[in-house]
Amino acid sequence: MTAEAVAFVGVAVVLLGSSLAVVLTPNLFHSILYLAVALVATGVVFLLLDAPFLFGVQLLLYAGGVVTIVVFAIMLTERLVGRTIRQASRYLINGALLSVAVFAGVAGFLVQAPLAGARPGVSGDLTLAVGRALVGAFAVPLELLGVLLVIALLGALYFARSEP
């Protein structure tokens, strides 16, 4: 077994454990912290797949940005409601059955797929290609998404302010 395979198994165990903790933890704030661990582990999977740019994007956008916004939303909502928010997994059996069915489908697909040979070498700089795609055709949606997130943050601040 190669070092890359051992690293992947280790990251997969952390990712699976933190994903289960996101769903099963009753404290919503702790659930978000486990979500951050799961997102960082997903970024490490990108790093193991020789995609350092996607690793950086995963850390900055998801593990950094999205988790921060969700933590602020939880804190502001708890302040508005005046009590701690608890989450409940009401349909745990149904979710487990659905998860097993999806896993069986994906595993069946992977078992039928032909085994790949050696990975081909990367031709060119992929970071440059992703950067050109973001600045090219997807520049306007990316900027609109940024404006939408700023508006959402300002709305959350408006609702969280104390009445004079």
C-alpha atoms as a PDB file:
ATOM      1  CA  MET A   1       0.000   0.000   0.000  1.00  0.00           C
ATOM      2  CA  THR A   2       1.430   3.365  -0.992  1.00  0.00           C
ATOM      3  CA  ALA A   3       1.735   6.419   1.240  1.00  0.00           C
ATOM      4  CA  GLU A   4      -0.848   8.176  -0.925  1.00  0.00           C
ATOM      5  CA  ALA A   5      -3.372   5.385  -0.280  1.00  0.00           C
ATOM      6  CA  VAL A   6      -2.689   5.469   3.475  1.00  0.00           C
ATOM      7  CA  ALA A   7      -3.162   9.248   3.494  1.00  0.00           C
ATOM      8  CA  PHE A   8      -6.414   8.914   1.559  1.00  0.00           C
ATOM      9  CA  VAL A   9      -7.758   6.283   3.969  1.00  0.00           C
ATOM     10  CA  GLY A  10      -6.858   8.521   6.928  1.00  0.00           C
ATOM     11  CA  VAL A  11      -8.553  11.546   5.365  1.00  0.00           C
ATOM     12  CA  ALA A  12     -11.579   9.405   4.425  1.00  0.00           C
ATOM     13  CA  VAL A  13     -11.972   8.259   8.044  1.00  0.00           C
ATOM     14  CA  VAL A  14     -11.798  11.865   9.302  1.00  0.00           C
ATOM     15  CA  LEU A  15     -14.249  12.983   6.602  1.00  0.00           C
ATOM     16  CA  LEU A  16     -16.713  10.195   7.383  1.00  0.00           C
ATOM     17  CA  GLY A  17     -16.491  10.767  11.147  1.00  0.00           C
ATOM     18  CA  SER A  18     -16.937  14.521  10.908  1.00  0.00           C
ATOM     19  CA  SER A  19     -19.815  14.142   8.425  1.00  0.00           C
ATOM     20  CA  LEU A  20     -21.626  11.818  10.813  1.00  0.00           C
ATOM     21  CA  ALA A  21     -20.960  14.234  13.667  1.00  0.00           C
ATOM     22  CA  VAL A  22     -22.525  17.074  11.637  1.00  0.00           C
ATOM     23  CA  VAL A  23     -25.767  15.122  11.387  1.00  0.00           C
ATOM     24  CA  LEU A  24     -25.832  13.514  14.829  1.00  0.00           C
ATOM     25  CA  THR A  25     -24.627  16.332  17.117  1.00  0.00           C
ATOM     26  CA  PRO A  26     -27.567  18.017  18.867  1.00  0.00           C
ATOM     27  CA  ASN A  27     -25.739  21.308  19.445  1.00  0.00           C
ATOM     28  CA  LEU A  28     -25.986  23.367  16.250  1.00  0.00           C
ATOM     29  CA  PHE A  29     -22.778  25.312  16.885  1.00  0.00           C
ATOM     30  CA  HIS A  30     -20.777  22.110  17.410  1.00  0.00           C
ATOM     31  CA  SER A  31     -22.345  20.724  14.253  1.00  0.00           C
ATOM     32  CA  ILE A  32     -20.968  23.686  12.285  1.00  0.00           C
ATOM     33  CA  LEU A  33     -17.507  23.098  13.751  1.00  0.00           C
ATOM     34  CA  TYR A  34     -17.675  19.486  12.562  1.00  0.00           C
ATOM     35  CA  LEU A  35     -18.776  20.813   9.166  1.00  0.00           C
ATOM     36  CA  ALA A  36     -15.599  22.902   9.058  1.00  0.00           C
ATOM     37  CA  VAL A  37     -13.537  19.762   9.739  1.00  0.00           C
ATOM     38  CA  ALA A  38     -15.385  17.927   6.946  1.00  0.00           C
ATOM     39  CA  LEU A  39     -14.757  20.774   4.508  1.00  0.00           C
ATOM     40  CA  VAL A  40     -11.052  20.905   5.370  1.00  0.00           C
ATOM     41  CA  ALA A  41     -10.829  17.126   4.901  1.00  0.00           C
ATOM     42  CA  THR A  42     -12.477  17.528   1.500  1.00  0.00           C
ATOM     43  CA  GLY A  43      -9.817  20.096   0.656  1.00  0.00           C
ATOM     44  CA  VAL A  44      -7.112  17.625   1.657  1.00  0.00           C
ATOM     45  CA  VAL A  45      -8.654  15.134  -0.777  1.00  0.00           C
ATOM     46  CA  PHE A  46      -8.148  17.746  -3.507  1.00  0.00           C
ATOM     47  CA  LEU A  47      -4.555  18.121  -2.366  1.00  0.00           C
ATOM     48  CA  LEU A  48      -4.039  14.354  -2.595  1.00  0.00           C
ATOM     49  CA  LEU A  49      -5.419  14.488  -6.145  1.00  0.00           C
ATOM     50  CA  ASP A  50      -2.711  17.001  -7.148  1.00  0.00           C
ATOM     51  CA  ALA A  51      -5.096  19.960  -7.284  1.00  0.00           C
ATOM     52  CA  PRO A  52      -3.539  22.528  -4.932  1.00  0.00           C
ATOM     53  CA  PHE A  53      -5.605  25.386  -6.368  1.00  0.00           C
ATOM     54  CA  LEU A  54      -8.867  23.604  -5.571  1.00  0.00           C
ATOM     55  CA  PHE A  55      -7.495  22.860  -2.095  1.00  0.00           C
ATOM     56  CA  GLY A  56      -6.963  26.587  -1.568  1.00  0.00           C
ATOM     57  CA  VAL A  57     -10.387  27.463  -2.943  1.00  0.00           C
ATOM     58  CA  GLN A  58     -12.008  24.835  -0.695  1.00  0.00           C
ATOM     59  CA  LEU A  59     -10.286  26.272   2.372  1.00  0.00           C
ATOM     60  CA  LEU A  60     -10.954  29.919   1.574  1.00  0.00           C
ATOM     61  CA  LEU A  61     -14.505  29.754   0.258  1.00  0.00           C
ATOM     62  CA  TYR A  62     -16.078  26.885   2.133  1.00  0.00           C
ATOM     63  CA  ALA A  63     -14.097  26.193   5.283  1.00  0.00           C
ATOM     64  CA  GLY A  64     -13.389  29.890   5.755  1.00  0.00           C
ATOM     65  CA  GLY A  65     -16.223  31.878   4.224  1.00  0.00           C
ATOM     66  CA  VAL A  66     -19.312  29.715   4.383  1.00  0.00           C
ATOM     67  CA  VAL A  67     -18.635  28.398   7.885  1.00  0.00           C
ATOM     68  CA  THR A  68     -18.005  31.942   9.124  1.00  0.00           C
ATOM     69  CA  ILE A  69     -21.292  33.166   7.666  1.00  0.00           C
ATOM     70  CA  VAL A  70     -23.198  30.229   9.155  1.00  0.00           C
ATOM     71  CA  VAL A  71     -21.622  30.798  12.583  1.00  0.00           C
ATOM     72  CA  PHE A  72     -22.675  34.461  12.436  1.00  0.00           C
ATOM     73  CA  ALA A  73     -26.182  33.415  11.378  1.00  0.00           C
ATOM     74  CA  ILE A  74     -26.446  31.007  14.310  1.00  0.00           C
ATOM     75  CA  MET A  75     -25.189  33.616  16.761  1.00  0.00           C
ATOM     76  CA  LEU A  76     -27.577  36.265  15.422  1.00  0.00           C
ATOM     77  CA  THR A  77     -30.539  33.875  15.371  1.00  0.00           C
ATOM     78  CA  GLU A  78     -29.893  32.729  18.934  1.00  0.00           C
ATOM     79  CA  ARG A  79     -29.742  36.370  19.970  1.00  0.00           C
ATOM     80  CA  LEU A  80     -33.066  37.105  18.267  1.00  0.00           C
ATOM     81  CA  VAL A  81     -34.807  34.028  19.646  1.00  0.00           C
ATOM     82  CA  GLY A  82     -33.224  34.349  23.077  1.00  0.00           C
ATOM     83  CA  ARG A  83     -32.407  30.680  23.583  1.00  0.00           C
ATOM     84  CA  THR A  84     -29.969  28.060  22.348  1.00  0.00           C
ATOM     85  CA  ILE A  85     -30.999  26.343  19.137  1.00  0.00           C
ATOM     86  CA  ARG A  86     -30.953  22.541  19.279  1.00  0.00           C
ATOM     87  CA  GLN A  87     -31.140  20.377  16.225  1.00  0.00           C
ATOM     88  CA  ALA A  88     -32.942  17.056  16.164  1.00  0.00           C
ATOM     89  CA  SER A  89     -32.431  14.189  13.770  1.00  0.00           C
ATOM     90  CA  ARG A  90     -36.040  13.048  13.547  1.00  0.00           C
ATOM     91  CA  TYR A  91     -35.743  10.784  10.518  1.00  0.00           C
ATOM     92  CA  LEU A  92     -32.490   9.031  11.374  1.00  0.00           C
ATOM     93  CA  ILE A  93     -33.592   5.597  10.125  1.00  0.00           C
ATOM     94  CA  ASN A  94     -34.908   6.982   6.823  1.00  0.00           C
ATOM     95  CA  GLY A  95     -31.708   8.934   6.284  1.00  0.00           C
ATOM     96  CA  ALA A  96     -29.559   5.915   7.079  1.00  0.00           C
ATOM     97  CA  LEU A  97     -31.509   3.749   4.626  1.00  0.00           C
ATOM     98  CA  LEU A  98     -31.227   6.381   1.911  1.00  0.00           C
ATOM     99  CA  SER A  99     -27.502   6.750   2.582  1.00  0.00           C
ATOM    100  CA  VAL A 100     -26.975   2.987   2.305  1.00  0.00           C
ATOM    101  CA  ALA A 101     -28.938   2.929  -0.974  1.00  0.00           C
ATOM    102  CA  VAL A 102     -26.872   5.779  -2.449  1.00  0.00           C
ATOM    103  CA  PHE A 103     -23.656   4.132  -1.259  1.00  0.00           C
ATOM    104  CA  ALA A 104     -24.692   0.827  -2.842  1.00  0.00           C
ATOM    105  CA  GLY A 105     -25.449   2.587  -6.125  1.00  0.00           C
ATOM    106  CA  VAL A 106     -22.121   4.422  -6.189  1.00  0.00           C
ATOM    107  CA  ALA A 107     -20.206   1.308  -5.133  1.00  0.00           C
ATOM    108  CA  GLY A 108     -21.937  -0.732  -7.849  1.00  0.00           C
ATOM    109  CA  PHE A 109     -21.012   1.868 -10.422  1.00  0.00           C
ATOM    110  CA  LEU A 110     -17.396   1.918  -9.279  1.00  0.00           C
ATOM    111  CA  VAL A 111     -17.109  -1.878  -9.266  1.00  0.00           C
ATOM    112  CA  GLN A 112     -18.288  -2.020 -12.883  1.00  0.00           C
ATOM    113  CA  ALA A 113     -15.913   0.737 -14.028  1.00  0.00           C
ATOM    114  CA  PRO A 114     -12.701  -0.434 -15.666  1.00  0.00           C
ATOM    115  CA  LEU A 115      -9.544  -0.073 -13.609  1.00  0.00           C
ATOM    116  CA  ALA A 116      -7.548   2.941 -14.648  1.00  0.00           C
ATOM    117  CA  GLY A 117      -3.910   2.670 -15.524  1.00  0.00           C
ATOM    118  CA  ALA A 118      -1.255   5.156 -14.537  1.00  0.00           C
ATOM    119  CA  ARG A 119      -2.394   8.741 -14.216  1.00  0.00           C
ATOM    120  CA  PRO A 120      -1.477  10.844 -17.222  1.00  0.00           C
ATOM    121  CA  GLY A 121       0.762  13.833 -16.685  1.00  0.00           C
ATOM    122  CA  VAL A 122      -0.768  17.273 -16.412  1.00  0.00           C
ATOM    123  CA  SER A 123      -0.437  19.262 -19.604  1.00  0.00           C
ATOM    124  CA  GLY A 124      -0.061  22.945 -18.869  1.00  0.00           C
ATOM    125  CA  ASP A 125      -0.948  24.994 -15.833  1.00  0.00           C
ATOM    126  CA  LEU A 126      -4.444  24.130 -14.615  1.00  0.00           C
ATOM    127  CA  THR A 127      -4.506  27.096 -12.243  1.00  0.00           C
ATOM    128  CA  LEU A 128      -4.127  29.416 -15.228  1.00  0.00           C
ATOM    129  CA  ALA A 129      -7.021  27.680 -17.023  1.00  0.00           C
ATOM    130  CA  VAL A 130      -9.307  27.929 -13.975  1.00  0.00           C
ATOM    131  CA  GLY A 131      -8.351  31.584 -13.497  1.00  0.00           C
ATOM    132  CA  ARG A 132      -9.136  32.403 -17.117  1.00  0.00           C
ATOM    133  CA  ALA A 133     -12.498  30.650 -16.838  1.00  0.00           C
ATOM    134  CA  LEU A 134     -13.411  32.678 -13.728  1.00  0.00           C
ATOM    135  CA  VAL A 135     -12.341  35.978 -15.239  1.00  0.00           C
ATOM    136  CA  GLY A 136     -13.804  35.130 -18.643  1.00  0.00           C
ATOM    137  CA  ALA A 137     -17.298  33.716 -18.971  1.00  0.00           C
ATOM    138  CA  PHE A 138     -18.024  33.447 -15.234  1.00  0.00           C
ATOM    139  CA  ALA A 139     -16.836  36.883 -14.118  1.00  0.00           C
ATOM    140  CA  VAL A 140     -20.304  38.463 -13.897  1.00  0.00           C
ATOM    141  CA  PRO A 141     -21.949  35.583 -11.928  1.00  0.00           C
ATOM    142  CA  LEU A 142     -18.975  35.527  -9.560  1.00  0.00           C
ATOM    143  CA  GLU A 143     -19.286  39.253  -8.861  1.00  0.00           C
ATOM    144  CA  LEU A 144     -23.066  39.007  -8.463  1.00  0.00           C
ATOM    145  CA  LEU A 145     -22.589  36.221  -5.940  1.00  0.00           C
ATOM    146  CA  GLY A 146     -20.211  38.467  -3.976  1.00  0.00           C
ATOM    147  CA  VAL A 147     -22.764  41.306  -3.993  1.00  0.00           C
ATOM    148  CA  LEU A 148     -25.504  38.895  -2.875  1.00  0.00           C
ATOM    149  CA  LEU A 149     -23.411  37.685   0.066  1.00  0.00           C
ATOM    150  CA  VAL A 150     -22.683  41.263   1.153  1.00  0.00           C
ATOM    151  CA  ILE A 151     -26.397  42.129   0.974  1.00  0.00           C
ATOM    152  CA  ALA A 152     -27.248  39.023   3.028  1.00  0.00           C
ATOM    153  CA  LEU A 153     -24.683  39.998   5.661  1.00  0.00           C
ATOM    154  CA  LEU A 154     -26.077  43.548   5.849  1.00  0.00           C
ATOM    155  CA  GLY A 155     -29.601  42.122   6.200  1.00  0.00           C
ATOM    156  CA  ALA A 156     -28.462  39.880   9.054  1.00  0.00           C
ATOM    157  CA  LEU A 157     -26.875  42.851  10.794  1.00  0.00           C
ATOM    158  CA  TYR A 158     -30.082  44.864  10.361  1.00  0.00           C
ATOM    159  CA  PHE A 159     -32.218  42.133  11.949  1.00  0.00           C
ATOM    160  CA  ALA A 160     -29.739  41.556  14.775  1.00  0.00           C
ATOM    161  CA  ARG A 161     -29.527  45.148  15.904  1.00  0.00           C
ATOM    162  CA  SER A 162     -31.144  46.074  19.163  1.00  0.00           C
ATOM    163  CA  GLU A 163     -34.208  48.293  19.094  1.00  0.00           C
ATOM    164  CA  PRO A 164     -33.578  51.880  20.257  1.00  0.00           C
END
